[in-house]
Amino acid sequence: MFPALPLQNGAAGLLLVWLLFLLLFVALAYWVYKDAQRNSQHPAFLWAVVVFLAPLLGLVLYVLLGRNGGGRGGHPSGGV
């Protein structure tokens, strides 16, 4: 009657959703890694691992604790 949606195929739909979330987590970890290289005094790789393993909590922690305010940490907008 109607074509099957990917989520109605059971395992195939679940695999598709899992891969989309994995891609999202990798992209988010990559963004945090690149941002932490510029805006953080902490190791960028460790922030990327934290955000990959716990995306929502890790991102909140990175924004609150990991980023330096006021142009410190090698940020090109000038700093001490």
Protein backbone atom coordinates (compact mmCIF):
# COMPACT_ATOMS: atom_id res chain seq x y z
CA MET A 1 0.00 0.00 0.00
CA PHE A 2 2.45 2.68 1.19
CA PRO A 3 6.22 2.35 0.82
CA ALA A 4 7.92 1.29 4.01
CA LEU A 5 9.73 3.95 5.95
CA PRO A 6 13.32 3.14 7.02
CA LEU A 7 12.22 3.01 10.68
CA GLN A 8 9.62 0.34 9.91
CA ASN A 9 12.21 -2.19 8.75
CA GLY A 10 13.24 -3.17 12.25
CA ALA A 11 16.98 -3.75 12.42
CA ALA A 12 17.77 -1.73 9.29
CA GLY A 13 15.95 1.31 10.64
CA LEU A 14 17.61 0.97 14.02
CA LEU A 15 21.03 0.76 12.35
CA LEU A 16 20.28 3.89 10.34
CA VAL A 17 19.30 5.84 13.45
CA TRP A 18 22.38 4.56 15.30
CA LEU A 19 24.65 5.64 12.44
CA LEU A 20 23.07 9.09 12.32
CA PHE A 21 23.65 9.57 16.05
CA LEU A 22 27.22 8.30 15.72
CA LEU A 23 27.86 10.78 12.92
CA LEU A 24 26.39 13.57 15.03
CA PHE A 25 28.57 12.64 18.03
CA VAL A 26 31.73 12.49 15.90
CA ALA A 27 30.95 15.87 14.31
CA LEU A 28 30.29 17.42 17.71
CA ALA A 29 33.51 15.97 19.14
CA TYR A 30 35.45 17.28 16.14
CA TRP A 31 34.00 20.77 16.59
CA VAL A 32 34.88 20.75 20.30
CA TYR A 33 38.41 19.54 19.50
CA LYS A 34 39.02 22.36 17.01
CA ASP A 35 37.43 24.95 19.28
CA ALA A 36 39.39 23.76 22.33
CA GLN A 37 42.65 24.07 20.40
CA ARG A 38 41.94 27.78 19.99
CA ASN A 39 40.00 28.68 23.13
CA SER A 40 41.08 26.40 25.96
CA GLN A 41 44.11 25.86 28.13
CA HIS A 42 43.04 22.25 28.70
CA PRO A 43 43.98 19.39 26.33
CA ALA A 44 41.68 19.53 23.31
CA PHE A 45 41.77 15.76 22.81
CA LEU A 46 40.39 15.12 26.30
CA TRP A 47 37.51 17.52 25.76
CA ALA A 48 36.69 15.79 22.48
CA VAL A 49 36.63 12.39 24.23
CA VAL A 50 34.37 13.73 26.99
CA VAL A 51 31.94 15.21 24.46
CA PHE A 52 31.94 12.02 22.39
CA LEU A 53 31.23 9.75 25.37
CA ALA A 54 28.63 12.03 27.03
CA PRO A 55 27.46 14.46 24.35
CA LEU A 56 24.96 16.62 26.20
CA LEU A 57 26.72 16.74 29.56
CA GLY A 58 30.15 17.00 27.92
CA LEU A 59 29.11 19.92 25.74
CA VAL A 60 27.63 21.78 28.71
CA LEU A 61 30.78 21.15 30.76
CA TYR A 62 33.01 22.27 27.91
CA VAL A 63 31.10 25.52 27.42
CA LEU A 64 31.01 26.27 31.16
CA LEU A 65 34.45 25.03 32.22
CA GLY A 66 36.61 24.39 29.18
CA ARG A 67 36.46 27.61 27.24
CA ASN A 68 38.47 30.62 28.34
CA GLY A 69 36.75 33.95 28.35
CA GLY A 70 38.27 37.26 27.41
CA GLY A 71 40.57 36.06 24.63
CA ARG A 72 42.94 34.00 26.77
CA GLY A 73 44.38 30.64 25.75
CA GLY A 74 45.86 31.56 22.39
CA HIS A 75 42.76 33.24 21.04
CA PRO A 76 43.77 35.66 18.25
CA SER A 77 41.68 38.54 19.64
CA GLY A 78 44.57 39.52 21.85
CA GLY A 79 45.20 38.46 25.37
CA VAL A 80 47.79 38.30 28.04
